[in-house]
């Protein structure tokens, strides 16, 4: 008999859209998002950015954060992104690095593009693969 968990495991495509806001906390740059995605359902996300390098046109930063699903399960992620200073658009790659509940052993990665909708608000389009 095949274990149902192993039968369901495997890499799956993931797509999501989030709406977020940058939160200014002194020197820390954090964000909060709400969204909906395949294999995630409705979720909230929060994380922080840390500046790595600044040039005349681009800021490179590292990112850590978590998705919180409707049932409370978490997916943790970390990655790197570039923020284009003229347009405000950022592009990044995040890797899933564990979580809780059914996502305890999650792996995979996602790329994203965040587009500003106002000074501190943005919409993010994500896609990649997830295995849990």
C-alpha atoms as a PDB file:
ATOM      1  CA  UNK A   1       0.000   0.000   0.000  1.00  0.00           C
ATOM      2  CA  UNK A   2       1.327   3.463  -0.927  1.00  0.00           C
ATOM      3  CA  UNK A   3       1.598   6.069   1.790  1.00  0.00           C
ATOM      4  CA  UNK A   4      -0.798   8.869   0.789  1.00  0.00           C
ATOM      5  CA  UNK A   5       1.619  11.580   1.945  1.00  0.00           C
ATOM      6  CA  UNK A   6       4.412  10.383  -0.316  1.00  0.00           C
ATOM      7  CA  UNK A   7       1.948   9.931  -3.163  1.00  0.00           C
ATOM      8  CA  UNK A   8       0.924  13.589  -2.875  1.00  0.00           C
ATOM      9  CA  UNK A   9       4.480  14.893  -2.486  1.00  0.00           C
ATOM     10  CA  UNK A  10       6.279  16.381  -5.441  1.00  0.00           C
ATOM     11  CA  UNK A  11       7.168  19.655  -7.040  1.00  0.00           C
ATOM     12  CA  UNK A  12       4.153  21.738  -8.046  1.00  0.00           C
ATOM     13  CA  UNK A  13       3.895  25.045  -9.883  1.00  0.00           C
ATOM     14  CA  UNK A  14       2.906  27.984  -7.719  1.00  0.00           C
ATOM     15  CA  UNK A  15       1.440  31.353  -8.725  1.00  0.00           C
ATOM     16  CA  UNK A  16       0.237  34.085  -6.413  1.00  0.00           C
ATOM     17  CA  UNK A  17      -0.654  37.767  -6.232  1.00  0.00           C
ATOM     18  CA  UNK A  18      -0.086  39.829  -3.076  1.00  0.00           C
ATOM     19  CA  UNK A  19      -0.982  43.383  -2.110  1.00  0.00           C
ATOM     20  CA  UNK A  20       1.410  44.896   0.361  1.00  0.00           C
ATOM     21  CA  UNK A  21       2.626  47.889   2.284  1.00  0.00           C
ATOM     22  CA  UNK A  22       6.073  48.923   3.423  1.00  0.00           C
ATOM     23  CA  UNK A  23       6.262  49.562   7.163  1.00  0.00           C
ATOM     24  CA  UNK A  24       8.866  52.084   8.316  1.00  0.00           C
ATOM     25  CA  UNK A  25      10.193  51.142  11.772  1.00  0.00           C
ATOM     26  CA  UNK A  26      13.189  53.417  12.329  1.00  0.00           C
ATOM     27  CA  UNK A  27      16.122  51.939  10.423  1.00  0.00           C
ATOM     28  CA  UNK A  28      14.292  48.645   9.765  1.00  0.00           C
ATOM     29  CA  UNK A  29      12.380  48.189   6.510  1.00  0.00           C
ATOM     30  CA  UNK A  30       9.603  45.625   6.883  1.00  0.00           C
ATOM     31  CA  UNK A  31       6.500  44.744   4.885  1.00  0.00           C
ATOM     32  CA  UNK A  32       3.068  43.198   5.300  1.00  0.00           C
ATOM     33  CA  UNK A  33       1.043  41.594   2.499  1.00  0.00           C
ATOM     34  CA  UNK A  34      -2.216  39.766   1.874  1.00  0.00           C
ATOM     35  CA  UNK A  35      -2.669  37.527  -1.127  1.00  0.00           C
ATOM     36  CA  UNK A  36      -3.990  34.393  -2.736  1.00  0.00           C
ATOM     37  CA  UNK A  37      -2.090  31.687  -4.558  1.00  0.00           C
ATOM     38  CA  UNK A  38      -2.165  28.178  -5.904  1.00  0.00           C
ATOM     39  CA  UNK A  39      -1.279  25.609  -3.174  1.00  0.00           C
ATOM     40  CA  UNK A  40      -1.422  28.456  -0.635  1.00  0.00           C
ATOM     41  CA  UNK A  41      -4.993  29.684  -0.746  1.00  0.00           C
ATOM     42  CA  UNK A  42      -5.461  32.992   1.043  1.00  0.00           C
ATOM     43  CA  UNK A  43      -2.445  34.078   3.057  1.00  0.00           C
ATOM     44  CA  UNK A  44      -0.744  36.905   4.880  1.00  0.00           C
ATOM     45  CA  UNK A  45       2.971  37.535   4.489  1.00  0.00           C
ATOM     46  CA  UNK A  46       5.430  39.582   6.451  1.00  0.00           C
ATOM     47  CA  UNK A  47       9.142  40.037   6.268  1.00  0.00           C
ATOM     48  CA  UNK A  48      12.075  42.378   6.277  1.00  0.00           C
ATOM     49  CA  UNK A  49      14.670  43.684   3.865  1.00  0.00           C
ATOM     50  CA  UNK A  50      18.315  44.322   4.603  1.00  0.00           C
ATOM     51  CA  UNK A  51      20.345  46.482   2.263  1.00  0.00           C
ATOM     52  CA  UNK A  52      23.399  44.774   0.744  1.00  0.00           C
ATOM     53  CA  UNK A  53      24.632  47.237  -1.871  1.00  0.00           C
ATOM     54  CA  UNK A  54      23.559  50.576  -3.300  1.00  0.00           C
ATOM     55  CA  UNK A  55      24.459  51.968  -6.730  1.00  0.00           C
ATOM     56  CA  UNK A  56      23.213  55.039  -8.570  1.00  0.00           C
ATOM     57  CA  UNK A  57      20.261  53.108 -10.054  1.00  0.00           C
ATOM     58  CA  UNK A  58      19.718  49.924  -7.999  1.00  0.00           C
ATOM     59  CA  UNK A  59      19.570  48.753  -4.399  1.00  0.00           C
ATOM     60  CA  UNK A  60      20.408  45.085  -3.813  1.00  0.00           C
ATOM     61  CA  UNK A  61      18.913  43.628  -0.659  1.00  0.00           C
ATOM     62  CA  UNK A  62      18.436  40.363   1.187  1.00  0.00           C
ATOM     63  CA  UNK A  63      14.983  39.325   2.324  1.00  0.00           C
ATOM     64  CA  UNK A  64      13.544  37.017   4.977  1.00  0.00           C
ATOM     65  CA  UNK A  65       9.875  36.409   5.630  1.00  0.00           C
ATOM     66  CA  UNK A  66       6.962  34.036   6.094  1.00  0.00           C
ATOM     67  CA  UNK A  67       3.617  33.253   4.518  1.00  0.00           C
ATOM     68  CA  UNK A  68       0.852  32.531   7.072  1.00  0.00           C
ATOM     69  CA  UNK A  69      -1.956  30.392   5.645  1.00  0.00           C
ATOM     70  CA  UNK A  70      -5.585  30.694   6.750  1.00  0.00           C
ATOM     71  CA  UNK A  71      -5.134  27.677   9.071  1.00  0.00           C
ATOM     72  CA  UNK A  72      -2.015  29.183  10.708  1.00  0.00           C
ATOM     73  CA  UNK A  73       0.589  27.040   8.900  1.00  0.00           C
ATOM     74  CA  UNK A  74       3.738  28.956   7.959  1.00  0.00           C
ATOM     75  CA  UNK A  75       6.151  28.851   5.016  1.00  0.00           C
ATOM     76  CA  UNK A  76       9.473  30.589   5.671  1.00  0.00           C
ATOM     77  CA  UNK A  77      11.537  32.058   2.837  1.00  0.00           C
ATOM     78  CA  UNK A  78      14.774  33.927   2.223  1.00  0.00           C
ATOM     79  CA  UNK A  79      16.336  35.450  -0.851  1.00  0.00           C
ATOM     80  CA  UNK A  80      17.806  38.380  -2.717  1.00  0.00           C
ATOM     81  CA  UNK A  81      16.234  41.160  -4.772  1.00  0.00           C
ATOM     82  CA  UNK A  82      16.999  44.269  -6.773  1.00  0.00           C
ATOM     83  CA  UNK A  83      15.046  47.526  -6.430  1.00  0.00           C
ATOM     84  CA  UNK A  84      15.255  49.833  -9.452  1.00  0.00           C
ATOM     85  CA  UNK A  85      15.358  53.339  -7.997  1.00  0.00           C
ATOM     86  CA  UNK A  86      13.878  55.152 -10.998  1.00  0.00           C
ATOM     87  CA  UNK A  87      10.788  52.941 -11.412  1.00  0.00           C
ATOM     88  CA  UNK A  88      10.364  51.570  -7.885  1.00  0.00           C
ATOM     89  CA  UNK A  89       9.929  48.072  -9.372  1.00  0.00           C
ATOM     90  CA  UNK A  90      11.743  45.230  -7.615  1.00  0.00           C
ATOM     91  CA  UNK A  91      12.591  41.735  -8.818  1.00  0.00           C
ATOM     92  CA  UNK A  92      13.660  38.887  -6.584  1.00  0.00           C
ATOM     93  CA  UNK A  93      14.208  35.197  -6.001  1.00  0.00           C
ATOM     94  CA  UNK A  94      13.210  33.578  -2.712  1.00  0.00           C
ATOM     95  CA  UNK A  95      13.802  30.010  -1.544  1.00  0.00           C
ATOM     96  CA  UNK A  96      11.406  28.202   0.777  1.00  0.00           C
ATOM     97  CA  UNK A  97      13.336  27.148   3.885  1.00  0.00           C
ATOM     98  CA  UNK A  98      10.866  25.189   5.998  1.00  0.00           C
ATOM     99  CA  UNK A  99       7.678  25.956   7.817  1.00  0.00           C
ATOM    100  CA  UNK A 100       5.056  24.495  10.130  1.00  0.00           C
ATOM    101  CA  UNK A 101       2.150  22.066   9.820  1.00  0.00           C
ATOM    102  CA  UNK A 102       1.832  20.518   6.368  1.00  0.00           C
ATOM    103  CA  UNK A 103       4.619  22.851   5.195  1.00  0.00           C
ATOM    104  CA  UNK A 104       7.168  21.692   7.810  1.00  0.00           C
ATOM    105  CA  UNK A 105       9.475  20.228   5.133  1.00  0.00           C
ATOM    106  CA  UNK A 106       8.647  22.652   2.302  1.00  0.00           C
ATOM    107  CA  UNK A 107      11.230  23.299  -0.405  1.00  0.00           C
ATOM    108  CA  UNK A 108      11.171  25.205  -3.674  1.00  0.00           C
ATOM    109  CA  UNK A 109      11.642  28.733  -4.894  1.00  0.00           C
ATOM    110  CA  UNK A 110       9.736  31.617  -6.391  1.00  0.00           C
ATOM    111  CA  UNK A 111      10.571  34.652  -8.446  1.00  0.00           C
ATOM    112  CA  UNK A 112       8.628  37.843  -8.063  1.00  0.00           C
ATOM    113  CA  UNK A 113       8.070  41.301  -9.401  1.00  0.00           C
ATOM    114  CA  UNK A 114       6.734  44.047  -7.126  1.00  0.00           C
ATOM    115  CA  UNK A 115       5.200  47.131  -8.729  1.00  0.00           C
ATOM    116  CA  UNK A 116       4.434  50.270  -6.685  1.00  0.00           C
ATOM    117  CA  UNK A 117       0.819  51.430  -6.520  1.00  0.00           C
ATOM    118  CA  UNK A 118       1.536  54.407  -4.225  1.00  0.00           C
ATOM    119  CA  UNK A 119       4.458  55.696  -2.167  1.00  0.00           C
ATOM    120  CA  UNK A 120       4.430  52.772   0.310  1.00  0.00           C
ATOM    121  CA  UNK A 121       2.031  50.273  -1.315  1.00  0.00           C
ATOM    122  CA  UNK A 122       2.636  47.729  -4.064  1.00  0.00           C
ATOM    123  CA  UNK A 123       1.333  44.636  -5.842  1.00  0.00           C
ATOM    124  CA  UNK A 124       3.541  41.544  -6.165  1.00  0.00           C
ATOM    125  CA  UNK A 125       3.303  38.805  -8.788  1.00  0.00           C
ATOM    126  CA  UNK A 126       4.966  35.547  -7.744  1.00  0.00           C
ATOM    127  CA  UNK A 127       5.615  32.256  -9.490  1.00  0.00           C
ATOM    128  CA  UNK A 128       7.831  29.251  -9.026  1.00  0.00           C
ATOM    129  CA  UNK A 129       7.686  25.736  -7.627  1.00  0.00           C
ATOM    130  CA  UNK A 130       6.822  24.298  -4.226  1.00  0.00           C
ATOM    131  CA  UNK A 131       7.259  20.825  -2.759  1.00  0.00           C
ATOM    132  CA  UNK A 132       5.700  19.854   0.585  1.00  0.00           C
END
